[in-house]
Structure formats: structure tokens, C-alpha cells
């Protein structure tokens, strides 16, 4: 494969530690409308999934909920989550150091979340300047991981072929999307006891390890694999 020339980062759970906040607010919101859901359900089964897909699956299991009630509940959930992001969100350990070490690479954020949420998370954690406007949301592109189209779209807009990009993602749905797009993939596997890195991806346990992995991929003998 080609030597990586562009870095594409997932956001939630990769750059910023937003998933515990999201899981808590999602659990409260969904349970209140009659769809039993706990933070552990999100972290264990639905991590990284599109919200509408989670709701659809829960309705399949527990019965349909009035769409207007769901819409109102989602709006309240996102408002409360935004407040918590502004006041509580932190970057994941090693992220700042990795971004500084890899500053020479063009880079972007590729996330299933809304662009407003991506921007809020980066702003709250002081990471906004590292990416500028290179933000690619499933809601803007109208395609979501695990479909590879979001990663392919981001690579194209950034001006690179998919095989020239390295995707860094913590969620299995994102790892599979990037692999299907034909990219090199680093899986930030923070839960190795319950998650197995898909074949073809490189596993790391923390972001401090990322610059070393990128350095290895720049070696000619590695790029030819």
C-alpha cells in the first residue's frame, strides 16, 4: 500500500473522551421515552453507531414510540449533552502530544456525529486549531460509518486517494468502514478485553503510541506490505 500522506481521525472516543457523557445522556433520554437503555448498552453494543440506528433497533426490541416524542427527546438530549461538553469534556490522554508530533501531516476529523457537536468538542478541548475546517460529518455527507462512503468522501475532499490515507478510529464500525474504503487503519482499542481488532488494522491501546506507528508506516519496506 501507499505511504500514508493524510491522517483521518474519528472524534468521539478517539480525540475526545465524550463517549461516557454521550452514553449517560442517551440512556436517560431513551429510557424516559420507553426504550430501556443503559450507559453500558452504548459502550458495549452500540459504541460509534448512528443515533437513529440505535433508536430503530431499540424500537424493534421494545415497540414503536411516537415520532414527535422521540424528536423532542433527542433535541433535549443533544442540548444537555452540549452543555456537558462545554463544561466537562477532556481530550483523551496522548492526543495533544500525538497531534504535535504529527503536525506535518494534513489531517481531518471524520465522524458520524453532527458537525456542531464535532466543533463543540474540539473547541472545548482546545483541539480546534489542529483541524481548522477539515471536519467531515455523516450528517453533512449524508452517509455514516460503517459504510465506507464517509471516509472516501473525506479523502476525496482532502485531495488524496483512499490508499494514501491513514484512518485512526476507536469504534469497530469506524475501523471496518476505513478498511472497506481501502485505507490503512489504526484501531485505538481501549477495551481489549471485550473488543477484537479486525484483521487488517493495527491495534494501539493509547494515543501516545500513534507517532511511532506512523513512523513505521513511512518506511519503504512497511509501505510495500
C-alpha atoms as a PDB file:
ATOM      1  CA  UNK A   1       0.000   0.000   0.000  1.00  0.00           C
ATOM      2  CA  UNK A   2       0.993   3.640  -0.425  1.00  0.00           C
ATOM      3  CA  UNK A   3       2.837   5.504   2.311  1.00  0.00           C
ATOM      4  CA  UNK A   4       0.292   7.458   4.412  1.00  0.00           C
ATOM      5  CA  UNK A   5       0.114  11.100   3.376  1.00  0.00           C
ATOM      6  CA  UNK A   6      -3.072  12.204   5.161  1.00  0.00           C
ATOM      7  CA  UNK A   7      -4.402  11.381   8.632  1.00  0.00           C
ATOM      8  CA  UNK A   8      -8.144  10.970   9.210  1.00  0.00           C
ATOM      9  CA  UNK A   9      -9.239  10.900  12.849  1.00  0.00           C
ATOM     10  CA  UNK A  10     -12.513   9.807  14.337  1.00  0.00           C
ATOM     11  CA  UNK A  11     -13.674  12.199  17.058  1.00  0.00           C
ATOM     12  CA  UNK A  12     -15.667  10.647  19.928  1.00  0.00           C
ATOM     13  CA  UNK A  13     -13.537   8.130  21.787  1.00  0.00           C
ATOM     14  CA  UNK A  14     -10.501   8.824  19.603  1.00  0.00           C
ATOM     15  CA  UNK A  15      -9.705  12.501  20.090  1.00  0.00           C
ATOM     16  CA  UNK A  16     -12.086  13.450  22.897  1.00  0.00           C
ATOM     17  CA  UNK A  17     -13.448  11.463  25.824  1.00  0.00           C
ATOM     18  CA  UNK A  18     -17.079  12.228  25.047  1.00  0.00           C
ATOM     19  CA  UNK A  19     -18.500   8.722  24.987  1.00  0.00           C
ATOM     20  CA  UNK A  20     -19.203   8.458  28.755  1.00  0.00           C
ATOM     21  CA  UNK A  21     -21.104  11.762  28.569  1.00  0.00           C
ATOM     22  CA  UNK A  22     -22.997  10.675  25.461  1.00  0.00           C
ATOM     23  CA  UNK A  23     -23.819   7.265  26.937  1.00  0.00           C
ATOM     24  CA  UNK A  24     -25.227   8.810  30.119  1.00  0.00           C
ATOM     25  CA  UNK A  25     -27.396  11.370  28.332  1.00  0.00           C
ATOM     26  CA  UNK A  26     -28.572   8.843  25.759  1.00  0.00           C
ATOM     27  CA  UNK A  27     -29.543   6.369  28.482  1.00  0.00           C
ATOM     28  CA  UNK A  28     -31.594   8.958  30.356  1.00  0.00           C
ATOM     29  CA  UNK A  29     -33.325  10.226  27.223  1.00  0.00           C
ATOM     30  CA  UNK A  30     -34.187   6.862  25.706  1.00  0.00           C
ATOM     31  CA  UNK A  31     -35.334   5.304  28.963  1.00  0.00           C
ATOM     32  CA  UNK A  32     -37.661   8.248  29.624  1.00  0.00           C
ATOM     33  CA  UNK A  33     -39.475   7.709  26.316  1.00  0.00           C
ATOM     34  CA  UNK A  34     -39.918   3.990  26.971  1.00  0.00           C
ATOM     35  CA  UNK A  35     -36.839   2.475  25.347  1.00  0.00           C
ATOM     36  CA  UNK A  36     -34.823   0.818  28.135  1.00  0.00           C
ATOM     37  CA  UNK A  37     -31.170   1.705  27.691  1.00  0.00           C
ATOM     38  CA  UNK A  38     -28.143   1.977  29.957  1.00  0.00           C
ATOM     39  CA  UNK A  39     -24.721   3.579  29.514  1.00  0.00           C
ATOM     40  CA  UNK A  40     -23.219   0.095  29.399  1.00  0.00           C
ATOM     41  CA  UNK A  41     -25.515  -0.768  26.475  1.00  0.00           C
ATOM     42  CA  UNK A  42     -23.981   2.048  24.479  1.00  0.00           C
ATOM     43  CA  UNK A  43     -20.403   1.269  25.449  1.00  0.00           C
ATOM     44  CA  UNK A  44     -20.826  -2.463  24.930  1.00  0.00           C
ATOM     45  CA  UNK A  45     -23.077  -2.826  21.883  1.00  0.00           C
ATOM     46  CA  UNK A  46     -23.678   0.483  20.148  1.00  0.00           C
ATOM     47  CA  UNK A  47     -20.466   2.473  20.531  1.00  0.00           C
ATOM     48  CA  UNK A  48     -19.895   4.634  17.464  1.00  0.00           C
ATOM     49  CA  UNK A  49     -23.261   3.815  15.906  1.00  0.00           C
ATOM     50  CA  UNK A  50     -25.541   6.418  14.366  1.00  0.00           C
ATOM     51  CA  UNK A  51     -28.187   7.559  16.862  1.00  0.00           C
ATOM     52  CA  UNK A  52     -31.108   6.840  14.530  1.00  0.00           C
ATOM     53  CA  UNK A  53     -29.865   3.274  14.064  1.00  0.00           C
ATOM     54  CA  UNK A  54     -29.753   2.784  17.831  1.00  0.00           C
ATOM     55  CA  UNK A  55     -33.310   4.092  18.166  1.00  0.00           C
ATOM     56  CA  UNK A  56     -34.517   1.856  15.336  1.00  0.00           C
ATOM     57  CA  UNK A  57     -33.003  -1.229  16.948  1.00  0.00           C
ATOM     58  CA  UNK A  58     -34.459  -0.389  20.364  1.00  0.00           C
ATOM     59  CA  UNK A  59     -37.907   0.110  18.842  1.00  0.00           C
ATOM     60  CA  UNK A  60     -37.589  -3.252  17.135  1.00  0.00           C
ATOM     61  CA  UNK A  61     -36.943  -4.799  20.548  1.00  0.00           C
ATOM     62  CA  UNK A  62     -39.340  -2.794  22.705  1.00  0.00           C
ATOM     63  CA  UNK A  63     -42.017  -1.359  20.430  1.00  0.00           C
ATOM     64  CA  UNK A  64     -42.585   1.822  18.459  1.00  0.00           C
ATOM     65  CA  UNK A  65     -42.535   5.265  20.089  1.00  0.00           C
ATOM     66  CA  UNK A  66     -44.382   8.346  18.821  1.00  0.00           C
ATOM     67  CA  UNK A  67     -42.019  10.124  16.371  1.00  0.00           C
ATOM     68  CA  UNK A  68     -42.758  13.591  17.773  1.00  0.00           C
ATOM     69  CA  UNK A  69     -41.959  12.401  21.273  1.00  0.00           C
ATOM     70  CA  UNK A  70     -38.709  10.896  20.030  1.00  0.00           C
ATOM     71  CA  UNK A  71     -37.774  14.076  18.181  1.00  0.00           C
ATOM     72  CA  UNK A  72     -38.397  16.238  21.249  1.00  0.00           C
ATOM     73  CA  UNK A  73     -36.429  13.841  23.438  1.00  0.00           C
ATOM     74  CA  UNK A  74     -33.480  13.829  21.037  1.00  0.00           C
ATOM     75  CA  UNK A  75     -33.426  17.618  20.977  1.00  0.00           C
ATOM     76  CA  UNK A  76     -33.343  17.773  24.772  1.00  0.00           C
ATOM     77  CA  UNK A  77     -30.645  15.101  24.893  1.00  0.00           C
ATOM     78  CA  UNK A  78     -28.418  16.983  22.463  1.00  0.00           C
ATOM     79  CA  UNK A  79     -28.933  20.264  24.343  1.00  0.00           C
ATOM     80  CA  UNK A  80     -27.929  18.696  27.662  1.00  0.00           C
ATOM     81  CA  UNK A  81     -25.003  16.916  26.028  1.00  0.00           C
ATOM     82  CA  UNK A  82     -23.785  20.197  24.530  1.00  0.00           C
ATOM     83  CA  UNK A  83     -23.821  21.786  27.994  1.00  0.00           C
ATOM     84  CA  UNK A  84     -21.782  18.918  29.423  1.00  0.00           C
ATOM     85  CA  UNK A  85     -19.324  19.010  26.527  1.00  0.00           C
ATOM     86  CA  UNK A  86     -18.682  22.699  27.173  1.00  0.00           C
ATOM     87  CA  UNK A  87     -18.029  22.169  30.877  1.00  0.00           C
ATOM     88  CA  UNK A  88     -16.707  18.614  31.310  1.00  0.00           C
ATOM     89  CA  UNK A  89     -15.099  17.305  28.127  1.00  0.00           C
ATOM     90  CA  UNK A  90     -11.393  16.418  28.028  1.00  0.00           C
ATOM     91  CA  UNK A  91      -9.108  15.182  25.255  1.00  0.00           C
ATOM     92  CA  UNK A  92      -8.014  11.580  25.518  1.00  0.00           C
ATOM     93  CA  UNK A  93      -4.541  11.045  27.011  1.00  0.00           C
ATOM     94  CA  UNK A  94      -1.790  11.393  24.441  1.00  0.00           C
ATOM     95  CA  UNK A  95      -3.881  13.192  21.834  1.00  0.00           C
ATOM     96  CA  UNK A  96      -2.186  16.585  22.119  1.00  0.00           C
ATOM     97  CA  UNK A  97       1.264  15.004  22.039  1.00  0.00           C
ATOM     98  CA  UNK A  98       0.383  12.843  19.022  1.00  0.00           C
ATOM     99  CA  UNK A  99      -1.026  15.783  17.077  1.00  0.00           C
ATOM    100  CA  UNK A 100       2.066  17.857  17.837  1.00  0.00           C
ATOM    101  CA  UNK A 101       4.378  15.041  16.747  1.00  0.00           C
ATOM    102  CA  UNK A 102       2.425  14.552  13.509  1.00  0.00           C
ATOM    103  CA  UNK A 103       1.928  18.238  12.741  1.00  0.00           C
ATOM    104  CA  UNK A 104       3.460  17.943   9.251  1.00  0.00           C
ATOM    105  CA  UNK A 105       0.634  15.716   8.008  1.00  0.00           C
ATOM    106  CA  UNK A 106      -2.596  17.066   6.503  1.00  0.00           C
ATOM    107  CA  UNK A 107      -5.386  15.862   8.783  1.00  0.00           C
ATOM    108  CA  UNK A 108      -9.112  15.894   9.264  1.00  0.00           C
ATOM    109  CA  UNK A 109     -11.845  14.687  11.588  1.00  0.00           C
ATOM    110  CA  UNK A 110     -14.271  12.094  10.198  1.00  0.00           C
ATOM    111  CA  UNK A 111     -17.220  11.442  12.499  1.00  0.00           C
ATOM    112  CA  UNK A 112     -20.732  10.034  12.463  1.00  0.00           C
ATOM    113  CA  UNK A 113     -21.766  12.900  14.751  1.00  0.00           C
ATOM    114  CA  UNK A 114     -23.264  16.262  13.755  1.00  0.00           C
ATOM    115  CA  UNK A 115     -20.762  18.936  12.746  1.00  0.00           C
ATOM    116  CA  UNK A 116     -21.959  21.220  15.548  1.00  0.00           C
ATOM    117  CA  UNK A 117     -21.061  18.512  18.062  1.00  0.00           C
ATOM    118  CA  UNK A 118     -17.656  17.916  16.451  1.00  0.00           C
ATOM    119  CA  UNK A 119     -16.852  21.631  16.588  1.00  0.00           C
ATOM    120  CA  UNK A 120     -18.056  21.936  20.178  1.00  0.00           C
ATOM    121  CA  UNK A 121     -15.925  19.005  21.295  1.00  0.00           C
ATOM    122  CA  UNK A 122     -12.784  20.268  19.597  1.00  0.00           C
ATOM    123  CA  UNK A 123     -13.334  23.790  20.893  1.00  0.00           C
ATOM    124  CA  UNK A 124     -13.944  22.635  24.466  1.00  0.00           C
ATOM    125  CA  UNK A 125     -10.749  20.568  24.489  1.00  0.00           C
ATOM    126  CA  UNK A 126      -8.536  23.111  22.758  1.00  0.00           C
ATOM    127  CA  UNK A 127      -8.082  20.959  19.649  1.00  0.00           C
ATOM    128  CA  UNK A 128      -9.972  23.104  17.144  1.00  0.00           C
ATOM    129  CA  UNK A 129      -6.867  24.763  15.691  1.00  0.00           C
ATOM    130  CA  UNK A 130      -5.345  21.364  14.920  1.00  0.00           C
ATOM    131  CA  UNK A 131      -8.015  20.679  12.284  1.00  0.00           C
ATOM    132  CA  UNK A 132      -9.460  24.012  11.176  1.00  0.00           C
ATOM    133  CA  UNK A 133     -12.419  23.382   8.893  1.00  0.00           C
ATOM    134  CA  UNK A 134     -11.295  19.887   7.891  1.00  0.00           C
ATOM    135  CA  UNK A 135     -14.332  18.343   9.564  1.00  0.00           C
ATOM    136  CA  UNK A 136     -16.436  15.661   7.891  1.00  0.00           C
ATOM    137  CA  UNK A 137     -19.754  14.712   9.474  1.00  0.00           C
ATOM    138  CA  UNK A 138     -22.043  11.886   8.475  1.00  0.00           C
ATOM    139  CA  UNK A 139     -24.944  14.326   8.781  1.00  0.00           C
ATOM    140  CA  UNK A 140     -23.349  16.674   6.248  1.00  0.00           C
ATOM    141  CA  UNK A 141     -22.172  13.990   3.828  1.00  0.00           C
ATOM    142  CA  UNK A 142     -25.415  12.002   4.272  1.00  0.00           C
ATOM    143  CA  UNK A 143     -23.533   8.753   4.814  1.00  0.00           C
ATOM    144  CA  UNK A 144     -22.430   7.106   8.022  1.00  0.00           C
ATOM    145  CA  UNK A 145     -19.940   4.511   9.183  1.00  0.00           C
ATOM    146  CA  UNK A 146     -19.807   1.502   8.817  1.00  0.00           C
ATOM    147  CA  UNK A 147     -20.471   2.459   5.191  1.00  0.00           C
ATOM    148  CA  UNK A 148     -17.044   3.378   3.754  1.00  0.00           C
ATOM    149  CA  UNK A 149     -18.518   6.353   1.894  1.00  0.00           C
ATOM    150  CA  UNK A 150     -17.807   8.851   4.695  1.00  0.00           C
ATOM    151  CA  UNK A 151     -14.100   8.046   4.780  1.00  0.00           C
ATOM    152  CA  UNK A 152     -13.942   8.003   0.973  1.00  0.00           C
ATOM    153  CA  UNK A 153     -15.698  11.377   0.853  1.00  0.00           C
ATOM    154  CA  UNK A 154     -13.259  12.877   3.367  1.00  0.00           C
ATOM    155  CA  UNK A 155     -10.215  11.576   1.493  1.00  0.00           C
ATOM    156  CA  UNK A 156     -11.514  12.978  -1.790  1.00  0.00           C
ATOM    157  CA  UNK A 157     -12.197  16.442  -0.388  1.00  0.00           C
ATOM    158  CA  UNK A 158      -8.773  16.452   1.277  1.00  0.00           C
ATOM    159  CA  UNK A 159      -7.257  15.688  -2.136  1.00  0.00           C
ATOM    160  CA  UNK A 160      -5.962  12.155  -1.531  1.00  0.00           C
ATOM    161  CA  UNK A 161      -6.706   8.667  -2.730  1.00  0.00           C
ATOM    162  CA  UNK A 162      -8.106   6.369  -0.053  1.00  0.00           C
ATOM    163  CA  UNK A 163      -4.952   4.245  -0.029  1.00  0.00           C
ATOM    164  CA  UNK A 164      -2.902   7.365   0.748  1.00  0.00           C
ATOM    165  CA  UNK A 165      -4.833   7.943   3.972  1.00  0.00           C
ATOM    166  CA  UNK A 166      -4.386   6.529   7.451  1.00  0.00           C
ATOM    167  CA  UNK A 167      -7.589   6.348   9.487  1.00  0.00           C
ATOM    168  CA  UNK A 168      -7.454   6.375  13.277  1.00  0.00           C
ATOM    169  CA  UNK A 169     -10.681   5.160  14.876  1.00  0.00           C
ATOM    170  CA  UNK A 170     -11.671   3.620  18.193  1.00  0.00           C
ATOM    171  CA  UNK A 171     -15.019   2.093  17.209  1.00  0.00           C
ATOM    172  CA  UNK A 172     -15.340  -1.186  15.330  1.00  0.00           C
ATOM    173  CA  UNK A 173     -17.885   0.382  12.963  1.00  0.00           C
ATOM    174  CA  UNK A 174     -15.325   3.033  12.043  1.00  0.00           C
ATOM    175  CA  UNK A 175     -12.441   0.603  11.689  1.00  0.00           C
ATOM    176  CA  UNK A 176     -14.491  -1.571   9.341  1.00  0.00           C
ATOM    177  CA  UNK A 177     -15.578   1.482   7.338  1.00  0.00           C
ATOM    178  CA  UNK A 178     -11.998   2.629   6.793  1.00  0.00           C
ATOM    179  CA  UNK A 179     -10.805  -0.870   5.908  1.00  0.00           C
ATOM    180  CA  UNK A 180     -13.622  -1.181   3.371  1.00  0.00           C
ATOM    181  CA  UNK A 181     -12.557   2.180   1.938  1.00  0.00           C
ATOM    182  CA  UNK A 182      -9.117   0.723   1.221  1.00  0.00           C
ATOM    183  CA  UNK A 183      -7.232   2.709   3.851  1.00  0.00           C
ATOM    184  CA  UNK A 184      -4.565   1.805   6.329  1.00  0.00           C
ATOM    185  CA  UNK A 185      -6.258   1.763   9.714  1.00  0.00           C
ATOM    186  CA  UNK A 186      -5.121   2.198  13.293  1.00  0.00           C
ATOM    187  CA  UNK A 187      -7.616   0.860  15.821  1.00  0.00           C
ATOM    188  CA  UNK A 188      -7.418   2.681  19.143  1.00  0.00           C
ATOM    189  CA  UNK A 189      -8.523  -0.330  21.165  1.00  0.00           C
ATOM    190  CA  UNK A 190      -9.111   0.955  24.680  1.00  0.00           C
ATOM    191  CA  UNK A 191     -11.217  -2.088  25.595  1.00  0.00           C
ATOM    192  CA  UNK A 192      -9.098  -5.085  24.547  1.00  0.00           C
ATOM    193  CA  UNK A 193     -10.896  -7.404  26.972  1.00  0.00           C
ATOM    194  CA  UNK A 194     -14.160  -7.022  25.066  1.00  0.00           C
ATOM    195  CA  UNK A 195     -13.111  -5.860  21.584  1.00  0.00           C
ATOM    196  CA  UNK A 196     -11.005  -7.616  18.974  1.00  0.00           C
ATOM    197  CA  UNK A 197      -9.210  -5.521  16.391  1.00  0.00           C
ATOM    198  CA  UNK A 198     -10.439  -6.510  12.912  1.00  0.00           C
ATOM    199  CA  UNK A 199      -7.985  -8.220  10.580  1.00  0.00           C
ATOM    200  CA  UNK A 200      -6.024  -5.708   8.559  1.00  0.00           C
ATOM    201  CA  UNK A 201      -6.000  -2.974  11.208  1.00  0.00           C
ATOM    202  CA  UNK A 202      -3.145  -2.053  13.543  1.00  0.00           C
ATOM    203  CA  UNK A 203      -4.044  -2.056  17.229  1.00  0.00           C
ATOM    204  CA  UNK A 204      -2.829   0.510  19.753  1.00  0.00           C
ATOM    205  CA  UNK A 205      -4.014   0.944  23.328  1.00  0.00           C
ATOM    206  CA  UNK A 206      -3.398   4.681  23.687  1.00  0.00           C
ATOM    207  CA  UNK A 207      -2.681   7.705  21.528  1.00  0.00           C
ATOM    208  CA  UNK A 208       0.874   8.059  22.815  1.00  0.00           C
ATOM    209  CA  UNK A 209       1.700   5.110  20.523  1.00  0.00           C
ATOM    210  CA  UNK A 210       0.391   6.687  17.323  1.00  0.00           C
ATOM    211  CA  UNK A 211       3.502   8.653  16.207  1.00  0.00           C
ATOM    212  CA  UNK A 212       5.636   5.503  16.428  1.00  0.00           C
ATOM    213  CA  UNK A 213       3.148   3.562  14.303  1.00  0.00           C
ATOM    214  CA  UNK A 214       3.016   6.319  11.694  1.00  0.00           C
ATOM    215  CA  UNK A 215       6.811   6.411  11.623  1.00  0.00           C
ATOM    216  CA  UNK A 216       6.942   2.688  10.911  1.00  0.00           C
ATOM    217  CA  UNK A 217       4.411   3.014   8.096  1.00  0.00           C
ATOM    218  CA  UNK A 218       6.646   5.586   6.422  1.00  0.00           C
ATOM    219  CA  UNK A 219       9.420   3.008   5.997  1.00  0.00           C
ATOM    220  CA  UNK A 220       9.595   1.684   2.406  1.00  0.00           C
ATOM    221  CA  UNK A 221       9.597  -1.958   3.492  1.00  0.00           C
ATOM    222  CA  UNK A 222       6.435  -1.380   5.536  1.00  0.00           C
ATOM    223  CA  UNK A 223       4.635   0.554   2.820  1.00  0.00           C
ATOM    224  CA  UNK A 224       5.078  -2.344   0.401  1.00  0.00           C
ATOM    225  CA  UNK A 225       3.134  -4.756   2.623  1.00  0.00           C
END
